[in-house]
N, C-alpha and C. Protein backbone atom coordinates (compact mmCIF):
# COMPACT_ATOMS: atom_id res chain seq x y z
N MET A 1 0.80 -1.21 0.63
CA MET A 1 0.37 0.27 0.16
C MET A 1 0.89 1.23 0.06
N LEU A 2 0.82 1.83 -1.06
CA LEU A 2 1.41 3.07 -0.87
C LEU A 2 0.75 4.77 -0.07
N ARG A 3 1.74 4.74 1.11
CA ARG A 3 1.82 6.12 2.19
C ARG A 3 2.57 7.27 1.44
N LEU A 4 1.60 8.40 1.21
CA LEU A 4 1.96 9.25 0.77
C LEU A 4 2.76 10.54 2.25
N LYS A 5 3.48 10.90 2.51
CA LYS A 5 4.33 11.79 3.08
C LYS A 5 3.80 12.96 3.13
N THR A 6 3.07 13.07 4.32
CA THR A 6 2.48 14.32 4.27
C THR A 6 3.21 15.18 5.19
N HIS A 7 4.54 15.13 5.97
CA HIS A 7 4.81 16.38 6.53
C HIS A 7 6.55 16.72 5.22
N LYS A 8 6.73 18.42 5.68
CA LYS A 8 8.07 18.46 4.75
C LYS A 8 8.93 18.10 5.48
N LEU A 9 9.99 17.59 4.82
CA LEU A 9 11.37 17.38 4.61
C LEU A 9 12.26 18.25 5.84
N SER A 10 12.02 17.96 7.08
CA SER A 10 13.19 18.78 8.29
C SER A 10 15.01 18.88 7.96
N LYS A 11 15.20 19.55 8.36
CA LYS A 11 16.63 19.51 7.77
C LYS A 11 17.31 18.68 8.25
N GLU A 12 16.48 17.61 9.85
CA GLU A 12 17.34 16.73 9.90
C GLU A 12 17.20 15.63 9.34
N ASP A 13 16.24 15.64 9.10
CA ASP A 13 15.85 14.50 7.97
C ASP A 13 17.13 14.35 6.90
N LYS A 14 16.82 15.64 6.55
CA LYS A 14 18.44 15.89 4.89
C LYS A 14 19.52 15.34 5.39
N LYS A 15 19.79 15.95 5.86
CA LYS A 15 21.35 16.02 6.74
C LYS A 15 21.23 14.36 7.25
N TYR A 16 20.88 13.82 7.93
CA TYR A 16 20.88 12.36 8.00
C TYR A 16 21.07 11.69 6.94
N ILE A 17 20.01 11.95 5.63
CA ILE A 17 19.83 11.14 4.51
C ILE A 17 21.23 11.36 3.88
N GLN A 18 21.59 12.73 3.87
CA GLN A 18 22.83 12.78 3.32
C GLN A 18 23.88 12.41 3.38
N ASP A 19 24.08 12.27 5.09
CA ASP A 19 25.20 11.87 6.00
C ASP A 19 25.70 10.39 5.37
N GLN A 20 24.09 9.27 5.20
CA GLN A 20 24.58 8.46 5.41
C GLN A 20 24.63 7.57 3.85
N LEU A 21 24.41 8.81 2.59
CA LEU A 21 24.34 8.76 1.16
C LEU A 21 25.93 8.66 1.00
N LEU A 22 26.38 9.46 1.69
CA LEU A 22 27.85 9.93 1.69
C LEU A 22 28.75 9.43 2.36
N ASN A 23 28.19 8.58 3.12
CA ASN A 23 29.51 7.84 4.25
C ASN A 23 28.82 6.34 5.07
N LYS A 24 28.18 6.42 4.09
CA LYS A 24 28.09 4.82 4.49
C LYS A 24 27.36 3.79 2.94
N ILE A 25 25.93 4.68 2.40
CA ILE A 25 25.39 4.04 1.28
C ILE A 25 26.25 3.65 0.38
N ALA A 26 26.81 5.03 -0.50
CA ALA A 26 27.83 5.16 -1.44
C ALA A 26 28.79 4.34 -1.57
N PRO A 27 29.84 4.44 -0.37
CA PRO A 27 30.93 4.17 -0.14
C PRO A 27 30.31 2.51 0.05
N ALA A 28 29.24 1.84 -0.02
CA ALA A 28 28.92 0.34 0.22
C ALA A 28 28.48 -0.14 -1.16
N HIS A 29 28.16 0.83 -2.20
CA HIS A 29 28.48 0.51 -3.27
C HIS A 29 29.21 0.99 -4.28
N ASP A 30 30.76 1.40 -4.00
CA ASP A 30 31.19 1.63 -4.71
C ASP A 30 31.15 3.08 -5.34
N GLY A 31 30.44 4.06 -4.82
CA GLY A 31 29.94 5.12 -5.37
C GLY A 31 28.98 4.85 -6.44
N LEU A 32 27.96 4.01 -6.98
CA LEU A 32 27.20 3.78 -7.49
C LEU A 32 25.25 3.46 -6.55
N ILE A 33 25.19 4.34 -7.14
CA ILE A 33 23.49 4.07 -6.24
C ILE A 33 22.24 4.49 -7.33
N SER A 34 21.08 3.65 -7.69
CA SER A 34 19.97 4.08 -8.09
C SER A 34 19.21 5.09 -6.89
N LEU A 35 18.27 5.61 -7.96
CA LEU A 35 17.02 6.61 -7.07
C LEU A 35 16.44 5.91 -6.75
N ASN A 36 15.83 4.80 -7.64
CA ASN A 36 15.12 3.55 -7.20
C ASN A 36 15.46 2.59 -5.60
N GLY A 37 16.99 2.43 -5.56
CA GLY A 37 17.62 1.86 -4.31
C GLY A 37 17.11 2.49 -3.03
N VAL A 38 18.13 3.83 -3.52
CA VAL A 38 18.14 5.11 -2.31
C VAL A 38 16.78 5.50 -1.80
N GLN A 39 15.67 5.49 -2.36
CA GLN A 39 13.74 5.54 -2.19
C GLN A 39 13.57 4.63 -1.69
N ARG A 40 14.10 3.06 -1.69
CA ARG A 40 13.45 2.55 -1.19
C ARG A 40 14.14 1.99 0.59
N LEU A 41 15.25 2.30 0.12
CA LEU A 41 16.22 2.52 1.66
C LEU A 41 15.26 3.73 2.50
N PHE A 42 14.89 4.79 2.39
CA PHE A 42 14.51 6.20 2.38
C PHE A 42 12.84 5.81 3.01
N SER A 43 11.97 4.90 2.08
CA SER A 43 10.40 5.62 1.89
C SER A 43 9.88 5.39 3.26
N ASP A 44 10.59 5.32 4.17
CA ASP A 44 9.51 5.15 5.46
C ASP A 44 9.88 7.40 6.23
N LEU A 45 11.05 7.47 6.02
CA LEU A 45 11.19 8.29 6.70
C LEU A 45 10.82 9.59 5.50
N VAL A 46 10.95 9.77 4.07
CA VAL A 46 10.51 10.92 3.30
C VAL A 46 9.95 10.34 2.00
N SER A 47 9.46 11.16 1.26
CA SER A 47 9.05 10.87 0.15
C SER A 47 10.13 10.78 -1.25
N ARG A 48 9.70 10.22 -1.91
CA ARG A 48 10.68 9.72 -2.85
C ARG A 48 11.11 11.90 -3.71
N THR A 49 9.95 12.46 -3.73
CA THR A 49 10.62 13.40 -4.47
C THR A 49 11.53 14.48 -3.27
N ASP A 50 11.46 14.25 -2.41
CA ASP A 50 11.87 14.56 -1.26
C ASP A 50 13.50 14.00 -1.26
N ILE A 51 13.54 12.66 -2.22
CA ILE A 51 15.03 11.97 -2.32
C ILE A 51 15.63 12.56 -3.33
N GLU A 52 14.70 12.95 -3.91
CA GLU A 52 15.53 13.91 -5.75
C GLU A 52 15.92 15.01 -5.22
N THR A 53 15.27 15.55 -4.35
CA THR A 53 15.46 16.78 -4.26
C THR A 53 17.17 16.72 -3.32
N ILE A 54 17.16 15.80 -2.34
CA ILE A 54 18.81 15.61 -1.49
C ILE A 54 19.17 15.35 -3.07
N LEU A 55 19.30 14.58 -3.37
CA LEU A 55 20.14 13.81 -4.20
C LEU A 55 20.40 15.09 -5.38
N GLN A 56 19.79 15.65 -5.83
CA GLN A 56 20.29 16.77 -6.76
C GLN A 56 20.61 18.39 -6.14
N GLU A 57 20.56 18.15 -5.41
CA GLU A 57 21.92 19.36 -4.27
C GLU A 57 23.03 18.57 -3.94
N LEU A 58 23.16 17.53 -4.16
CA LEU A 58 24.31 16.80 -4.19
C LEU A 58 24.96 17.27 -5.60
N VAL A 59 24.69 17.45 -6.84
CA VAL A 59 24.65 17.11 -7.95
C VAL A 59 24.83 18.56 -8.02
N LYS A 60 24.38 19.61 -7.85
CA LYS A 60 24.69 21.00 -8.15
C LYS A 60 25.88 21.40 -6.58
N ASN A 61 26.19 20.62 -5.83
CA ASN A 61 27.34 21.05 -5.43
C ASN A 61 28.31 20.12 -5.85
N ASN A 62 28.51 19.51 -6.68
CA ASN A 62 29.42 18.89 -7.89
C ASN A 62 30.04 17.07 -7.17
N LEU A 63 29.49 16.95 -5.79
CA LEU A 63 29.71 16.03 -5.51
C LEU A 63 29.04 14.40 -5.89
N VAL A 64 27.98 14.55 -6.52
CA VAL A 64 27.96 12.98 -7.92
C VAL A 64 27.08 13.50 -8.72
N ARG A 65 27.04 13.16 -9.82
CA ARG A 65 27.00 13.02 -11.16
C ARG A 65 25.87 12.22 -11.18
N SER A 66 25.12 12.60 -12.47
CA SER A 66 23.56 11.77 -11.92
C SER A 66 23.11 11.18 -13.81
N HIS A 67 23.17 10.13 -14.04
CA HIS A 67 22.61 9.77 -15.47
C HIS A 67 20.99 8.39 -15.41
N ASP A 68 20.86 8.75 -16.70
CA ASP A 68 19.63 7.84 -16.43
C ASP A 68 19.65 6.65 -17.24
N VAL A 69 19.48 5.55 -16.67
CA VAL A 69 19.51 4.51 -17.36
C VAL A 69 18.63 3.10 -17.07
N GLN A 70 17.73 3.33 -18.38
CA GLN A 70 16.68 2.18 -18.17
C GLN A 70 15.88 2.83 -17.62
N GLY A 71 15.11 3.76 -17.32
CA GLY A 71 14.31 4.17 -16.52
C GLY A 71 14.18 4.21 -15.23
N ASP A 72 15.70 4.54 -14.85
CA ASP A 72 16.20 4.75 -13.42
C ASP A 72 17.38 6.01 -13.56
N THR A 73 17.44 6.56 -12.24
CA THR A 73 18.30 7.70 -12.53
C THR A 73 19.81 7.15 -11.79
N ILE A 74 20.90 6.96 -11.83
CA ILE A 74 21.65 6.53 -11.67
C ILE A 74 22.82 7.55 -10.87
N TYR A 75 23.02 8.00 -9.60
CA TYR A 75 23.90 8.38 -9.52
C TYR A 75 25.12 8.04 -8.83
N VAL A 76 26.52 9.14 -9.92
CA VAL A 76 27.62 8.58 -9.52
C VAL A 76 28.44 9.78 -8.21
N PHE A 77 28.74 8.82 -7.21
CA PHE A 77 29.48 10.01 -6.48
C PHE A 77 31.25 9.67 -6.89
N THR A 78 31.49 11.03 -7.72
CA THR A 78 32.46 10.35 -8.01
C THR A 78 33.68 10.02 -7.41
N GLN A 79 33.73 11.17 -6.03
CA GLN A 79 35.31 10.36 -5.46
C GLN A 79 35.42 9.01 -5.03
N ILE A 80 34.07 8.92 -4.90
CA ILE A 80 33.89 7.51 -3.87
C ILE A 80 34.08 6.76 -5.14
N ALA A 81 33.65 6.70 -6.26
CA ALA A 81 33.64 5.79 -7.25
C ALA A 81 35.39 5.63 -7.56
N ARG A 82 36.27 6.71 -7.99
CA ARG A 82 37.63 6.87 -7.97
C ARG A 82 38.24 6.02 -7.18
N ASP A 83 37.88 6.38 -5.89
CA ASP A 83 38.81 5.63 -4.93
C ASP A 83 38.43 4.15 -5.07
N ALA A 84 37.05 3.75 -5.39
CA ALA A 84 36.93 2.28 -5.33
C ALA A 84 38.07 1.86 -6.56
N GLY A 85 37.78 2.31 -7.64
CA GLY A 85 38.62 2.11 -9.01
C GLY A 85 40.17 1.91 -8.21
N GLN A 86 40.31 2.78 -8.47
CA GLN A 86 42.19 2.51 -7.62
C GLN A 86 42.17 1.29 -6.90
N SER A 87 41.11 1.52 -5.80
CA SER A 87 41.46 0.29 -5.17
C SER A 87 41.89 -1.34 -5.57
N TYR A 88 40.83 -0.99 -6.50
CA TYR A 88 40.71 -2.74 -7.61
C TYR A 88 41.59 -2.36 -8.31
N LEU A 89 42.35 -1.58 -8.79
CA LEU A 89 43.73 -1.22 -10.02
C LEU A 89 44.91 -2.01 -8.85
N ARG A 90 44.86 -1.58 -7.67
CA ARG A 90 45.90 -2.09 -6.71
C ARG A 90 45.84 -3.55 -6.39
N LYS A 91 44.90 -3.85 -6.16
CA LYS A 91 44.56 -5.10 -5.80
C LYS A 91 44.84 -6.18 -7.17
N LEU A 92 44.41 -5.47 -8.82
CA LEU A 92 44.97 -6.34 -10.22
C LEU A 92 46.69 -6.37 -10.17
N ASP A 93 46.83 -5.17 -9.69
CA ASP A 93 48.46 -5.24 -9.83
C ASP A 93 49.04 -7.00 -8.89
N GLU A 94 48.41 -6.32 -7.76
CA GLU A 94 48.86 -7.85 -6.86
C GLU A 94 48.56 -8.98 -7.36
N LEU A 95 46.85 -9.24 -8.02
CA LEU A 95 46.91 -10.41 -8.37
C LEU A 95 47.50 -10.94 -9.73
N ASP A 96 48.03 -10.41 -10.42
CA ASP A 96 48.80 -9.80 -11.49
C ASP A 96 50.38 -10.32 -11.39
N ARG A 97 50.95 -9.94 -10.54
CA ARG A 97 52.27 -10.73 -9.74
C ARG A 97 51.74 -11.83 -9.04
N ASN A 98 50.52 -12.71 -8.48
CA ASN A 98 50.63 -13.60 -8.04
C ASN A 98 50.64 -14.45 -9.40
N THR A 99 49.68 -14.05 -10.66
CA THR A 99 49.42 -14.65 -11.32
C THR A 99 50.77 -15.27 -12.29
N LYS A 100 51.50 -14.46 -12.65
CA LYS A 100 52.78 -14.36 -13.28
C LYS A 100 53.80 -15.29 -12.32
N TYR A 101 53.68 -15.33 -10.66
CA TYR A 101 54.54 -16.25 -9.84
C TYR A 101 53.99 -17.69 -10.04
N LEU A 102 52.34 -17.75 -10.34
CA LEU A 102 52.11 -18.77 -10.56
C LEU A 102 51.95 -19.76 -11.86
N THR A 103 52.58 -18.81 -12.58
CA THR A 103 52.74 -19.53 -13.96
C THR A 103 53.83 -20.20 -14.39
N THR A 104 54.99 -19.16 -13.47
CA THR A 104 56.00 -19.70 -13.32
C THR A 104 56.33 -21.04 -12.74
N ALA A 105 55.68 -21.12 -11.13
CA ALA A 105 55.56 -22.16 -10.45
C ALA A 105 55.19 -23.38 -11.00
N ILE A 106 53.60 -23.76 -11.91
CA ILE A 106 52.92 -24.17 -12.61
C ILE A 106 53.95 -24.82 -13.73
N ALA A 107 55.42 -24.21 -14.60
CA ALA A 107 55.90 -24.57 -15.60
C ALA A 107 56.92 -25.30 -15.03
N ALA A 108 57.47 -24.58 -14.02
CA ALA A 108 58.30 -25.29 -12.68
C ALA A 108 57.88 -26.99 -12.72
N ALA A 109 56.44 -27.05 -12.02
CA ALA A 109 55.94 -27.85 -11.50
C ALA A 109 55.76 -28.87 -12.53
N GLU A 110 55.69 -28.58 -13.62
CA GLU A 110 55.37 -29.23 -15.03
C GLU A 110 56.61 -30.15 -15.41
N GLU A 111 57.89 -29.33 -15.32
CA GLU A 111 58.77 -29.87 -15.89
C GLU A 111 59.37 -31.02 -14.40
N GLU A 112 58.95 -30.90 -13.55
CA GLU A 112 59.34 -31.20 -12.32
C GLU A 112 58.92 -32.84 -12.84
N LEU A 113 57.56 -32.90 -12.79
CA LEU A 113 56.73 -34.29 -12.84
C LEU A 113 56.99 -34.78 -13.77
N GLN A 114 57.26 -34.13 -15.30
CA GLN A 114 57.69 -34.99 -16.61
C GLN A 114 59.29 -35.79 -15.87
N ALA A 115 60.45 -35.26 -15.36
CA ALA A 115 61.63 -35.48 -15.21
C ALA A 115 61.09 -36.69 -14.19
N ALA A 116 60.50 -36.45 -12.94
CA ALA A 116 59.83 -37.90 -12.04
C ALA A 116 59.79 -38.73 -12.98
N VAL A 117 58.44 -38.60 -13.70
CA VAL A 117 58.20 -39.67 -14.66
C VAL A 117 59.36 -39.73 -15.78
N ASN A 118 59.69 -39.36 -16.22
CA ASN A 118 61.52 -40.22 -16.63
C ASN A 118 62.13 -40.89 -16.26
N ALA A 119 62.33 -40.41 -14.82
CA ALA A 119 63.52 -41.27 -13.83
C ALA A 119 62.59 -42.33 -13.54
N SER A 120 61.40 -42.54 -13.49
CA SER A 120 60.51 -43.59 -13.13
C SER A 120 60.74 -44.64 -14.32
N LYS A 121 60.93 -44.27 -15.36
CA LYS A 121 60.70 -45.17 -16.48
C LYS A 121 62.75 -45.61 -16.24
N LEU A 122 63.26 -44.77 -16.16
CA LEU A 122 64.40 -45.42 -15.95
C LEU A 122 64.83 -46.11 -14.64
N TRP A 123 64.37 -46.20 -13.62
CA TRP A 123 64.50 -47.04 -12.58
C TRP A 123 63.39 -48.47 -12.94
N GLN A 124 62.56 -48.17 -13.72
CA GLN A 124 61.88 -49.53 -14.10
C GLN A 124 62.23 -50.21 -14.86
N ASP A 125 63.43 -50.13 -16.10
CA ASP A 125 63.84 -50.72 -17.34
C ASP A 125 64.88 -51.17 -17.02
N GLY A 126 65.22 -52.41 -17.25
CA GLY A 126 66.84 -53.02 -17.67
C GLY A 126 67.07 -53.86 -16.53
N TRP A 127 65.96 -54.60 -15.62
CA TRP A 127 66.07 -55.12 -14.27
C TRP A 127 66.46 -56.61 -14.91
N GLU A 128 65.90 -56.78 -16.04
CA GLU A 128 65.89 -58.28 -16.93
C GLU A 128 67.53 -58.51 -17.05
N ASN A 129 68.42 -57.59 -16.82
CA ASN A 129 69.66 -57.83 -16.88
C ASN A 129 70.37 -58.37 -15.79
N SER A 130 69.83 -57.82 -14.61
CA SER A 130 70.36 -57.82 -13.20
C SER A 130 70.80 -59.47 -12.61
N GLN A 131 71.46 -59.46 -11.70
CA GLN A 131 71.84 -61.07 -11.78
C GLN A 131 71.06 -61.10 -10.37
N LEU A 132 70.24 -60.30 -9.72
CA LEU A 132 69.54 -60.58 -8.60
C LEU A 132 68.13 -61.85 -9.41
N ASP A 133 67.91 -62.35 -8.39
CA ASP A 133 67.14 -63.52 -8.20
C ASP A 133 65.54 -62.80 -8.37
N ALA A 134 64.59 -63.71 -8.93
CA ALA A 134 63.31 -62.75 -9.36
C ALA A 134 62.54 -62.46 -8.04
N THR A 135 62.76 -62.75 -7.11
CA THR A 135 62.32 -62.90 -5.77
C THR A 135 62.62 -61.15 -5.14
N SER A 136 63.75 -60.80 -5.68
CA SER A 136 64.29 -59.81 -5.30
C SER A 136 64.37 -59.05 -6.06
N LYS A 137 64.32 -59.23 -7.32
CA LYS A 137 64.19 -57.74 -8.68
C LYS A 137 62.33 -57.31 -8.31
N ALA A 138 61.92 -58.71 -8.11
CA ALA A 138 60.59 -58.02 -7.95
C ALA A 138 59.83 -57.22 -6.87
N SER A 139 61.02 -57.61 -5.63
CA SER A 139 61.00 -56.40 -4.48
C SER A 139 61.49 -55.18 -4.81
N ILE A 140 62.70 -55.28 -5.18
CA ILE A 140 62.94 -53.75 -6.00
C ILE A 140 62.51 -53.43 -6.39
N GLN A 141 61.63 -53.73 -7.79
CA GLN A 141 60.64 -53.23 -7.97
C GLN A 141 59.34 -52.35 -7.57
N SER A 142 58.93 -53.64 -7.22
CA SER A 142 57.67 -52.78 -6.28
C SER A 142 58.12 -51.53 -5.07
N TYR A 143 58.91 -51.23 -5.10
CA TYR A 143 59.86 -50.44 -3.69
C TYR A 143 59.75 -49.24 -4.75
N VAL A 144 60.44 -50.06 -5.81
CA VAL A 144 60.72 -48.22 -6.88
C VAL A 144 59.50 -47.95 -7.06
N THR A 145 58.66 -48.61 -7.91
CA THR A 145 57.14 -48.17 -8.33
C THR A 145 56.29 -47.73 -7.42
N ARG A 146 56.40 -47.96 -6.28
CA ARG A 146 55.50 -47.27 -5.24
C ARG A 146 56.21 -46.05 -4.78
N GLU A 147 57.49 -46.02 -4.47
CA GLU A 147 58.69 -44.35 -4.35
C GLU A 147 58.01 -43.38 -5.27
N TRP A 148 58.30 -43.81 -6.62
CA TRP A 148 57.85 -43.46 -8.05
C TRP A 148 56.49 -42.91 -7.54
N GLN A 149 55.60 -43.67 -7.85
CA GLN A 149 53.93 -43.69 -7.65
C GLN A 149 53.65 -42.37 -6.64
N ALA A 150 54.74 -42.47 -5.85
CA ALA A 150 54.21 -41.68 -4.36
C ALA A 150 54.54 -40.19 -4.88
N ARG A 151 55.85 -39.92 -5.18
CA ARG A 151 56.14 -38.99 -5.79
C ARG A 151 55.49 -38.24 -6.96
N THR A 152 55.12 -39.00 -8.27
CA THR A 152 54.26 -38.00 -8.69
C THR A 152 53.30 -37.81 -8.58
N THR A 153 52.15 -38.75 -7.95
CA THR A 153 51.46 -38.67 -7.07
C THR A 153 51.35 -37.25 -6.65
N GLN A 154 52.17 -37.15 -5.98
CA GLN A 154 52.34 -35.67 -4.89
C GLN A 154 53.18 -34.23 -5.89
N LEU A 155 53.26 -34.92 -6.81
CA LEU A 155 53.98 -33.57 -7.85
C LEU A 155 52.69 -32.88 -8.50
N GLN A 156 52.19 -34.09 -9.47
CA GLN A 156 50.73 -33.94 -9.49
C GLN A 156 49.61 -33.25 -8.55
N ASP A 157 49.73 -33.46 -7.50
CA ASP A 157 48.65 -33.01 -6.76
C ASP A 157 48.84 -31.34 -6.39
N SER A 158 50.31 -31.25 -6.28
CA SER A 158 50.55 -29.54 -6.17
C SER A 158 50.28 -28.81 -7.72
N LEU A 159 51.02 -29.74 -8.53
CA LEU A 159 50.35 -29.02 -10.11
C LEU A 159 49.12 -28.46 -9.61
N THR A 160 48.09 -29.50 -9.17
CA THR A 160 46.64 -29.39 -9.64
C THR A 160 46.43 -28.05 -8.69
N SER A 161 47.20 -28.07 -7.56
CA SER A 161 46.19 -27.09 -6.41
C SER A 161 46.77 -25.69 -6.78
N LYS A 162 48.29 -25.86 -7.79
CA LYS A 162 48.74 -24.16 -8.58
C LYS A 162 47.29 -23.69 -9.47
N LYS A 163 46.92 -25.06 -10.48
CA LYS A 163 46.39 -24.59 -11.48
C LYS A 163 44.91 -23.96 -10.64
N VAL A 164 44.56 -24.39 -10.11
CA VAL A 164 43.11 -24.79 -9.44
C VAL A 164 43.20 -22.81 -8.83
N ALA A 165 44.15 -23.12 -8.25
CA ALA A 165 44.82 -21.48 -7.71
C ALA A 165 44.66 -20.01 -8.93
N LEU A 166 45.51 -20.50 -10.10
CA LEU A 166 45.22 -19.77 -11.18
C LEU A 166 44.29 -19.41 -11.38
N ASP A 167 43.43 -20.20 -12.03
CA ASP A 167 41.94 -20.46 -12.47
C ASP A 167 41.33 -19.50 -11.40
N ALA A 168 41.55 -19.55 -9.69
CA ALA A 168 40.62 -18.28 -8.65
C ALA A 168 41.40 -17.00 -9.30
N ILE A 169 42.04 -16.82 -9.12
CA ILE A 169 42.91 -15.73 -9.36
C ILE A 169 42.33 -15.08 -10.46
N GLN A 170 42.26 -15.53 -11.60
CA GLN A 170 41.82 -15.14 -12.78
C GLN A 170 40.34 -15.01 -13.09
N ASN A 171 39.72 -15.69 -12.02
CA ASN A 171 38.15 -14.85 -12.39
C ASN A 171 38.01 -13.90 -11.17
N GLU A 172 39.19 -14.07 -10.16
CA GLU A 172 38.89 -12.37 -9.68
C GLU A 172 39.01 -11.61 -10.16
N MET A 173 40.01 -11.49 -11.14
CA MET A 173 40.45 -10.70 -11.55
C MET A 173 39.52 -10.03 -13.01
N LYS A 174 39.13 -10.73 -13.15
CA LYS A 174 37.71 -10.37 -14.21
C LYS A 174 36.82 -9.51 -13.29
N GLY A 175 36.44 -10.06 -12.28
CA GLY A 175 35.49 -9.17 -11.66
C GLY A 175 35.89 -7.93 -11.10
N LEU A 176 37.45 -7.79 -10.82
CA LEU A 176 37.51 -6.58 -10.74
C LEU A 176 37.59 -5.91 -11.98
N GLN A 177 37.91 -6.25 -13.18
CA GLN A 177 38.13 -5.62 -13.90
C GLN A 177 36.51 -5.21 -14.61
N GLN A 178 35.66 -5.51 -14.01
CA GLN A 178 33.92 -5.05 -14.30
C GLN A 178 34.43 -4.12 -13.60
N LYS A 179 34.37 -4.18 -11.99
CA LYS A 179 34.34 -2.88 -10.96
C LYS A 179 34.95 -2.02 -11.94
N VAL A 180 36.36 -2.51 -12.29
CA VAL A 180 36.90 -0.75 -12.62
C VAL A 180 36.04 -0.14 -13.47
N GLN A 181 35.54 -0.85 -14.48
CA GLN A 181 35.25 0.06 -15.52
C GLN A 181 34.11 0.78 -14.81
N THR A 182 33.24 -0.13 -13.97
CA THR A 182 32.10 1.30 -13.82
C THR A 182 32.42 2.41 -12.61
N SER A 183 33.56 1.89 -12.05
CA SER A 183 34.30 2.68 -10.88
C SER A 183 34.76 4.08 -11.93
N PHE A 184 35.04 4.00 -13.11
CA PHE A 184 35.54 5.50 -14.01
C PHE A 184 34.40 5.85 -14.90
N PRO A 185 33.50 5.25 -14.54
CA PRO A 185 32.20 6.31 -15.71
C PRO A 185 32.96 7.24 -17.10
N GLU A 186 33.74 8.38 -16.32
CA GLU A 186 33.72 9.40 -17.52
C GLU A 186 34.53 8.98 -17.81
N SER A 187 35.25 8.03 -17.74
CA SER A 187 36.63 8.23 -19.00
C SER A 187 37.06 6.70 -19.25
N GLY A 188 35.84 5.73 -19.35
CA GLY A 188 35.88 4.29 -18.64
C GLY A 188 37.50 3.92 -18.08
N GLN A 189 38.35 4.68 -17.66
CA GLN A 189 39.47 4.08 -16.77
C GLN A 189 39.99 5.63 -15.80
């Protein structure tokens, strides 16, 4: 049920809403908020017209820019959005360094795994020329096989965990790149 606000916007309500917008709501949303979203938050306190008046005052004071998007007005708190974007760029740089480290570590782990597989083959071949009895050869071959399998399994697990970590970082980077694009709406960066 719609409830029309009959009281005039008080200075205290206006100050409270502006303070919430600037210090809590906009930072929590990376500096991008919609008129509809703000109206839902304060619908019990003030009317939609009052919300629009408050936001337009922030626009006039150059704290906020407004854009009409698909039937809603989006307000960009430019400094907050820029700060969020800078934070995301720093995080992207850190993730990029981690990606390079993991890529190098994966290449090294793949080489180590291949070396272990090759060494295992060397240890398993050539026992037919040995002077040992069949039981001793079988015992040694079984031991060598178990040891090399354990080592290659350990190396494979390490390699897999590095690849999983790399995939997770790359997915996080994609999300951050999208956030960076929305954090710098005036220039795309």
